[in-house]
Amino acid sequence: MNHRQVTMVRIYLTEGEAQLDTLMRRLHDWEKASGVTVFRGISGFGESGEIHHSGLLDLSLNLPVVVEFFDTPEKVEAIVEHLNEFIKPGHIVTWDARVNIQ
């Protein structure tokens, strides 16, 4: 099986920060990322220690959101440099990975 080296990116947000739409437009329109997936968490907490969760009786609008994508290491490096301008420090995680190709 053939593989290609990529860099994975995971960005941690909360719905209440209202950054998701801006981030998605940036990744799609400006950065031309090859694909992005957004996961909505059911529970989580960050550096503040405040637990965000969704229960059966409430509809929390401040749940955790994870945005994930991968691309070539060079492209990801440039994208992350741009994202550092408006994503809080410590909220972008990257790691090396391999993707299977034909």
N, C-alpha and C. Protein backbone atom coordinates (compact mmCIF):
# COMPACT_ATOMS: atom_id res chain seq x y z
N MET A 1 0.85 -1.17 0.00
CA MET A 1 0.00 0.00 0.00
C MET A 1 0.90 1.24 0.00
N ASN A 2 0.56 2.20 -0.82
CA ASN A 2 1.32 3.45 -0.90
C ASN A 2 0.77 4.48 0.07
N HIS A 3 1.66 5.29 0.62
CA HIS A 3 1.29 6.32 1.57
C HIS A 3 1.91 7.65 1.20
N ARG A 4 1.29 8.71 1.70
CA ARG A 4 1.82 10.06 1.53
C ARG A 4 1.85 10.70 2.91
N GLN A 5 2.93 11.42 3.21
CA GLN A 5 3.05 12.10 4.50
C GLN A 5 2.13 13.33 4.52
N VAL A 6 1.41 13.50 5.60
CA VAL A 6 0.54 14.65 5.81
C VAL A 6 0.72 15.14 7.25
N THR A 7 0.18 16.30 7.51
CA THR A 7 0.10 16.80 8.88
C THR A 7 -1.37 16.94 9.24
N MET A 8 -1.75 16.35 10.36
CA MET A 8 -3.11 16.46 10.88
C MET A 8 -3.19 17.71 11.74
N VAL A 9 -4.36 18.35 11.70
CA VAL A 9 -4.61 19.54 12.51
C VAL A 9 -5.93 19.36 13.24
N ARG A 10 -5.92 19.66 14.53
CA ARG A 10 -7.14 19.64 15.32
C ARG A 10 -7.23 20.97 16.06
N ILE A 11 -8.38 21.64 15.91
CA ILE A 11 -8.59 22.95 16.52
C ILE A 11 -9.75 22.83 17.50
N TYR A 12 -9.52 23.26 18.74
CA TYR A 12 -10.53 23.18 19.79
C TYR A 12 -11.20 24.53 19.99
N LEU A 13 -12.52 24.55 19.89
CA LEU A 13 -13.32 25.76 20.09
C LEU A 13 -14.51 25.42 20.97
N THR A 14 -15.29 26.42 21.31
CA THR A 14 -16.61 26.19 21.87
C THR A 14 -17.59 26.97 21.02
N GLU A 15 -18.83 26.50 20.99
CA GLU A 15 -19.85 27.16 20.17
C GLU A 15 -20.01 28.62 20.56
N GLY A 16 -19.91 28.93 21.83
CA GLY A 16 -20.13 30.27 22.32
C GLY A 16 -19.10 31.28 21.84
N GLU A 17 -17.95 30.82 21.38
CA GLU A 17 -16.92 31.74 20.90
C GLU A 17 -17.24 32.32 19.53
N ALA A 18 -18.21 31.75 18.84
CA ALA A 18 -18.65 32.23 17.52
C ALA A 18 -17.50 32.34 16.52
N GLN A 19 -16.56 31.42 16.58
CA GLN A 19 -15.44 31.42 15.65
C GLN A 19 -15.60 30.42 14.52
N LEU A 20 -16.53 29.49 14.65
CA LEU A 20 -16.62 28.39 13.70
C LEU A 20 -16.91 28.88 12.28
N ASP A 21 -17.86 29.76 12.09
CA ASP A 21 -18.18 30.23 10.75
C ASP A 21 -16.99 30.93 10.11
N THR A 22 -16.33 31.78 10.87
CA THR A 22 -15.15 32.48 10.36
C THR A 22 -14.07 31.49 9.98
N LEU A 23 -13.82 30.52 10.85
CA LEU A 23 -12.80 29.51 10.60
C LEU A 23 -13.12 28.70 9.35
N MET A 24 -14.36 28.26 9.21
CA MET A 24 -14.74 27.47 8.04
C MET A 24 -14.59 28.27 6.75
N ARG A 25 -15.02 29.53 6.75
CA ARG A 25 -14.84 30.37 5.56
C ARG A 25 -13.36 30.53 5.24
N ARG A 26 -12.57 30.73 6.28
CA ARG A 26 -11.13 30.91 6.07
C ARG A 26 -10.51 29.66 5.46
N LEU A 27 -10.82 28.49 6.03
CA LEU A 27 -10.24 27.24 5.54
C LEU A 27 -10.73 26.90 4.12
N HIS A 28 -11.96 27.22 3.82
CA HIS A 28 -12.54 26.90 2.51
C HIS A 28 -12.14 27.92 1.45
N ASP A 29 -12.38 29.18 1.72
CA ASP A 29 -12.21 30.22 0.69
C ASP A 29 -10.78 30.72 0.55
N TRP A 30 -10.09 30.93 1.67
CA TRP A 30 -8.76 31.53 1.60
C TRP A 30 -7.65 30.49 1.56
N GLU A 31 -7.73 29.52 2.44
CA GLU A 31 -6.64 28.55 2.56
C GLU A 31 -6.77 27.38 1.60
N LYS A 32 -7.98 27.17 1.07
CA LYS A 32 -8.23 26.07 0.12
C LYS A 32 -7.82 24.72 0.70
N ALA A 33 -8.19 24.50 1.97
CA ALA A 33 -7.92 23.20 2.61
C ALA A 33 -8.65 22.12 1.82
N SER A 34 -8.05 20.96 1.72
CA SER A 34 -8.62 19.90 0.89
C SER A 34 -9.88 19.28 1.48
N GLY A 35 -10.10 19.44 2.75
CA GLY A 35 -11.30 18.92 3.40
C GLY A 35 -11.26 19.20 4.88
N VAL A 36 -12.40 19.44 5.47
CA VAL A 36 -12.48 19.79 6.89
C VAL A 36 -13.68 19.05 7.48
N THR A 37 -13.52 18.55 8.69
CA THR A 37 -14.63 17.93 9.42
C THR A 37 -14.78 18.63 10.75
N VAL A 38 -16.04 18.87 11.15
CA VAL A 38 -16.33 19.51 12.42
C VAL A 38 -17.08 18.51 13.29
N PHE A 39 -16.60 18.34 14.50
CA PHE A 39 -17.24 17.47 15.48
C PHE A 39 -17.81 18.32 16.59
N ARG A 40 -19.03 18.05 17.01
CA ARG A 40 -19.65 18.76 18.12
C ARG A 40 -19.65 17.83 19.32
N GLY A 41 -19.01 18.27 20.39
CA GLY A 41 -18.91 17.44 21.58
C GLY A 41 -20.18 17.46 22.41
N ILE A 42 -20.33 16.44 23.22
CA ILE A 42 -21.47 16.41 24.13
C ILE A 42 -21.09 16.89 25.52
N SER A 43 -19.78 16.97 25.78
CA SER A 43 -19.31 17.44 27.06
C SER A 43 -17.83 17.76 26.95
N GLY A 44 -17.37 18.68 27.80
CA GLY A 44 -15.95 18.99 27.81
C GLY A 44 -15.65 20.16 28.72
N PHE A 45 -14.36 20.37 29.00
CA PHE A 45 -13.91 21.54 29.75
C PHE A 45 -12.52 21.89 29.28
N GLY A 46 -12.17 23.15 29.47
CA GLY A 46 -10.86 23.63 29.07
C GLY A 46 -10.15 24.26 30.24
N GLU A 47 -9.27 25.24 29.91
CA GLU A 47 -8.43 25.83 30.94
C GLU A 47 -9.21 26.55 32.04
N SER A 48 -10.42 27.01 31.74
CA SER A 48 -11.22 27.70 32.76
C SER A 48 -11.75 26.71 33.81
N GLY A 49 -11.83 25.44 33.44
CA GLY A 49 -12.35 24.43 34.35
C GLY A 49 -13.87 24.32 34.31
N GLU A 50 -14.52 25.23 33.60
CA GLU A 50 -15.98 25.19 33.50
C GLU A 50 -16.39 24.01 32.61
N ILE A 51 -17.28 23.17 33.10
CA ILE A 51 -17.73 22.01 32.33
C ILE A 51 -18.91 22.43 31.46
N HIS A 52 -18.78 22.16 30.18
CA HIS A 52 -19.84 22.43 29.22
C HIS A 52 -20.44 21.07 28.86
N HIS A 53 -21.75 20.95 28.99
CA HIS A 53 -22.37 19.68 28.62
C HIS A 53 -23.81 19.91 28.18
N SER A 54 -24.32 18.91 27.53
CA SER A 54 -25.70 18.98 27.07
C SER A 54 -26.47 17.89 27.81
N GLY A 55 -27.50 18.30 28.47
CA GLY A 55 -28.35 17.34 29.17
C GLY A 55 -29.64 17.13 28.41
N LEU A 56 -30.46 16.24 28.90
CA LEU A 56 -31.72 15.96 28.23
C LEU A 56 -32.69 17.14 28.30
N LEU A 57 -32.57 17.96 29.34
CA LEU A 57 -33.53 19.04 29.53
C LEU A 57 -33.03 20.40 29.07
N ASP A 58 -31.76 20.50 28.72
CA ASP A 58 -31.25 21.80 28.29
C ASP A 58 -30.57 21.68 26.93
N LEU A 59 -30.57 22.75 26.20
CA LEU A 59 -29.87 22.81 24.93
C LEU A 59 -28.75 23.82 25.07
N SER A 60 -27.60 23.36 25.48
CA SER A 60 -26.46 24.24 25.67
C SER A 60 -26.00 24.77 24.33
N LEU A 61 -25.69 26.05 24.30
CA LEU A 61 -25.16 26.67 23.09
C LEU A 61 -23.68 26.95 23.23
N ASN A 62 -23.05 26.30 24.18
CA ASN A 62 -21.63 26.52 24.40
C ASN A 62 -20.89 25.20 24.52
N LEU A 63 -21.25 24.26 23.66
CA LEU A 63 -20.61 22.94 23.69
C LEU A 63 -19.26 22.98 22.98
N PRO A 64 -18.40 22.00 23.30
CA PRO A 64 -17.11 21.92 22.63
C PRO A 64 -17.29 21.60 21.14
N VAL A 65 -16.42 22.19 20.33
CA VAL A 65 -16.39 21.93 18.89
C VAL A 65 -14.95 21.64 18.51
N VAL A 66 -14.75 20.58 17.72
CA VAL A 66 -13.42 20.23 17.23
C VAL A 66 -13.44 20.30 15.72
N VAL A 67 -12.51 21.03 15.14
CA VAL A 67 -12.36 21.15 13.69
C VAL A 67 -11.10 20.40 13.32
N GLU A 68 -11.20 19.49 12.35
CA GLU A 68 -10.06 18.65 12.00
C GLU A 68 -9.86 18.62 10.50
N PHE A 69 -8.59 18.67 10.08
CA PHE A 69 -8.26 18.52 8.67
C PHE A 69 -6.81 18.08 8.55
N PHE A 70 -6.43 17.66 7.34
CA PHE A 70 -5.03 17.33 7.07
C PHE A 70 -4.67 17.81 5.67
N ASP A 71 -3.38 18.02 5.47
CA ASP A 71 -2.86 18.42 4.17
C ASP A 71 -1.36 18.20 4.19
N THR A 72 -0.68 18.65 3.15
CA THR A 72 0.77 18.50 3.11
C THR A 72 1.39 19.29 4.26
N PRO A 73 2.52 18.83 4.76
CA PRO A 73 3.15 19.54 5.87
C PRO A 73 3.41 21.03 5.57
N GLU A 74 3.82 21.34 4.36
CA GLU A 74 4.11 22.73 4.00
C GLU A 74 2.84 23.59 4.01
N LYS A 75 1.76 23.06 3.47
CA LYS A 75 0.52 23.81 3.42
C LYS A 75 -0.05 24.01 4.83
N VAL A 76 0.01 22.97 5.65
CA VAL A 76 -0.49 23.08 7.03
C VAL A 76 0.31 24.11 7.81
N GLU A 77 1.61 24.12 7.63
CA GLU A 77 2.44 25.10 8.34
C GLU A 77 2.00 26.53 8.02
N ALA A 78 1.73 26.80 6.74
CA ALA A 78 1.27 28.14 6.34
C ALA A 78 -0.12 28.43 6.91
N ILE A 79 -1.02 27.44 6.86
CA ILE A 79 -2.38 27.64 7.36
C ILE A 79 -2.36 27.92 8.86
N VAL A 80 -1.62 27.12 9.61
CA VAL A 80 -1.56 27.30 11.07
C VAL A 80 -0.97 28.66 11.43
N GLU A 81 0.01 29.11 10.67
CA GLU A 81 0.58 30.44 10.92
C GLU A 81 -0.50 31.52 10.79
N HIS A 82 -1.36 31.39 9.78
CA HIS A 82 -2.45 32.35 9.60
C HIS A 82 -3.50 32.22 10.71
N LEU A 83 -3.82 30.97 11.10
CA LEU A 83 -4.84 30.75 12.11
C LEU A 83 -4.41 31.25 13.49
N ASN A 84 -3.11 31.26 13.74
CA ASN A 84 -2.61 31.74 15.03
C ASN A 84 -2.97 33.20 15.29
N GLU A 85 -3.37 33.91 14.24
CA GLU A 85 -3.76 35.31 14.39
C GLU A 85 -5.09 35.46 15.15
N PHE A 86 -5.97 34.43 15.07
CA PHE A 86 -7.27 34.59 15.73
C PHE A 86 -7.74 33.39 16.55
N ILE A 87 -6.97 32.32 16.59
CA ILE A 87 -7.28 31.18 17.45
C ILE A 87 -6.39 31.28 18.69
N LYS A 88 -7.00 31.10 19.87
CA LYS A 88 -6.25 31.23 21.12
C LYS A 88 -5.06 30.27 21.16
N PRO A 89 -3.97 30.70 21.79
CA PRO A 89 -2.82 29.80 21.97
C PRO A 89 -3.24 28.53 22.71
N GLY A 90 -2.67 27.41 22.29
CA GLY A 90 -2.97 26.13 22.93
C GLY A 90 -4.21 25.44 22.41
N HIS A 91 -4.87 26.00 21.41
CA HIS A 91 -6.09 25.41 20.89
C HIS A 91 -5.91 24.77 19.51
N ILE A 92 -4.69 24.78 18.99
CA ILE A 92 -4.39 24.12 17.72
C ILE A 92 -3.34 23.05 18.00
N VAL A 93 -3.66 21.82 17.62
CA VAL A 93 -2.76 20.69 17.82
C VAL A 93 -2.45 20.09 16.45
N THR A 94 -1.18 19.79 16.20
CA THR A 94 -0.80 19.16 14.93
C THR A 94 0.05 17.92 15.20
N TRP A 95 0.01 16.98 14.27
CA TRP A 95 0.88 15.81 14.35
C TRP A 95 1.06 15.22 12.95
N ASP A 96 2.17 14.52 12.78
CA ASP A 96 2.48 13.88 11.51
C ASP A 96 1.65 12.62 11.36
N ALA A 97 1.24 12.34 10.12
CA ALA A 97 0.44 11.14 9.84
C ALA A 97 0.73 10.70 8.41
N ARG A 98 0.16 9.59 8.03
CA ARG A 98 0.26 9.09 6.66
C ARG A 98 -1.14 8.85 6.14
N VAL A 99 -1.37 9.15 4.87
CA VAL A 99 -2.65 8.87 4.23
C VAL A 99 -2.38 7.87 3.11
N ASN A 100 -3.29 6.91 2.96
CA ASN A 100 -3.12 5.93 1.90
C ASN A 100 -3.50 6.54 0.55
N ILE A 101 -2.76 6.18 -0.47
CA ILE A 101 -3.02 6.65 -1.83
C ILE A 101 -3.02 5.45 -2.77
N GLN A 102 -3.50 5.66 -3.94
CA GLN A 102 -3.57 4.56 -4.92
C GLN A 102 -2.23 4.30 -5.54
